[in-house]
Each structure stands twice: as C-alpha cells, then as structure tokens.
Amino acid sequence: MSFVEYGDTIKDGDTAIVFLGHESMFPVKVQHGTVTQTKYGVIRHSTDLIGKKYGSKVTCSKGGWVFILHPTPELWTMNLPHRTQILYSTDISIITVMLELKPGSIVCESGTGSGSLSHALIRTVAPTGHLYTVEFHQQRAEKAREEFREHGVEHLVTVTNQDVCKNGFGVSNIADAVFLDIPSPWEAIGHAKSALKAEGGRICSFSPCIEQVQRTCLAMEEYGFTEINTLEILLRVYNVRTISLQIPDLGKAAEDNSSTDFDSSNPSNQGSPCTNLQQGTVRFKSGVPLREMVGHTGYLTFATKS
C-alpha cells in the first residue's frame, strides 16, 4: 500500500479508511488477528479485510456494513491524527497550483506538523520528485518519519529536525518551490532563497494574521523576490434544492396570456416538471447558500525568485 500508488487488495500492515458515511470515517491499520469496533459491529481484520479488494462492502457483526477505501491525501487530511492545526484541501489545492508543482519537482517545506500538506505534495511530485520537510519539534518529526514509512512514501521525502529560521532547509539551489508555515516566516526568507533554484523558483507563506503577512512581504522585497501577492480562500457551499413559489396574480390579461402560452392538451407541455398551474405554484431548482460557512483560515503569500 502506498499513498502515491494504487493497490488492488488489502494487505497486512496497510492503512485503510473505514467509510461509514461522508461525515463519518476513520483510518485503521490492518493487522492480522486484530478487530475494529464500529457502531455497526465488529470488523475482523483477518477475515473481513485482508485479501479483500479496496472499495469492498464489508458486513459488520451487527448486520450493518461499511466500505473500506484505499487511502489518498484527501482522505488522510480528513482523518489524520492532529498534532497541530492543519491545512485542508481548499488551501492545499491553490498552493499546489500557484507553486506550479508537477511530477519531478523538488519542494522544501517547513513545518511538517501533522503531515496534511506533506502527503499532497508527495503525491504531486511523485514518482521522480522529492520533498524536503523541516520540523522544529523533535517528537513531531519522528512521528512524521514513521507515518511516511508506513504509508510507503519514505523514498520521496526527507524529514529534518531543526530550526529552519537558523539552519535553513539543508539544501541549496535545487528547489523548484518553498512552502513556509511557521510563526515568523520573514526570518526564513533568506534560507528559502538559498534553497531555491537559480531563477524562477516559487515561494508560498501561510500566515493566519495580516501583521505576519506585512513583515513577510517586506522581507521578500528585501531579498529580491518579485510578483508578490497575497490571497485568501473562502469556500462557500450552496445547497441545491427544489423550491415552490406561487404564481403571482397579475390580473385578467395575465391569465389570458398564460392560457395562451401554456396548453395542457399539447403533448409537448404534458408532464412538465417545472409548472403546476392547477395548484398555482411553480417548482424549480435553486441554489441556496448554507447559513454557516467556513471562515478565515489564513493568508497565502506567493512570490517568485528573480
């Protein structure tokens, strides 16, 4: 099993996603002789998981059922154990696009945190690229190494435990892109410039406060970066549903026009899903924004090494 290569069958030692519904799923490490408890009953790894195909429908001991999914960076982001605050797919997608990442790219990242963005970057640069990720906290760095090894991507990533603001990324003039998610990114801009390739490399800094953005932009200008711009991604979800509205009473002339325009005996008008003149209402699809939406996550500042 690997997060960058799809496997057909579930094997002992794999990380799989137990899918109970879109709002209910969790990761499980498949091990011979182990059981997993769900609200639908017990899943026995030896008989219910190992040897089955990913995507299979598994019946639990109480008669309910779940799906077992192959892990992806998107699913891992939704289910990973949180050691820090993480980036979600909304921000990750624009970071990947704006940094112009592709298979074969070399990327430097700080800090590693819970590894949400790291898994997405690894999948993007595979199979010939590489991720150099720096984490200040020793225990988090060790846990990240362990997860990358379990997920079959350790050959695509190098985890370093050091202070990027003092010691840099440990590489020079090879990176196509640098990503910073640290409290004081302006202190690491010089090291980021040293890690980037000679010309055209891209940098991104993620900061929750606008004061951090201001200092980072000043540091980028000082080190000669160009095309500096900051943006914020806000996801607004619409609920598509069928609604009914009464036909307004516009008087006799409007009724005559309605009867002229709409003939129920005409085969082309029979069975119309949108109009119900007998009840005096019109039914149609409408997109309605949800009452609550995900608010501010952070500011993304991008620039180019010239």
Foldseek 3Di string as FASTA:
>chain_A
DAQQDDDFADAQLAWKKWAPDPVDIEIDGQHQQDWDQDPQAIDHRNPFGGGHTQQDWGAHPNGDITGIHHDYLQVCLVHFDFPDDDDHPQVLVVVCVQQVFAAAAEEEEPACGRPSSVRVNLNRNPDNYAYQHEYQDPVNLVVVCVVCVSNVRNVRYDYHHHDCLPPNRPAFQRHQEYEYEDPQCLSNPVSRNRRHHPFWRKYKYWAADVVSVVSNVVSCVVQPWPPKDKDFDWDWAWDKDKDKDAADPPDDVVVVVVCVVDPCVPVVRDPDPFDDVVVRMGIDIDIHIDPDTDDTDTMMIMTTHD
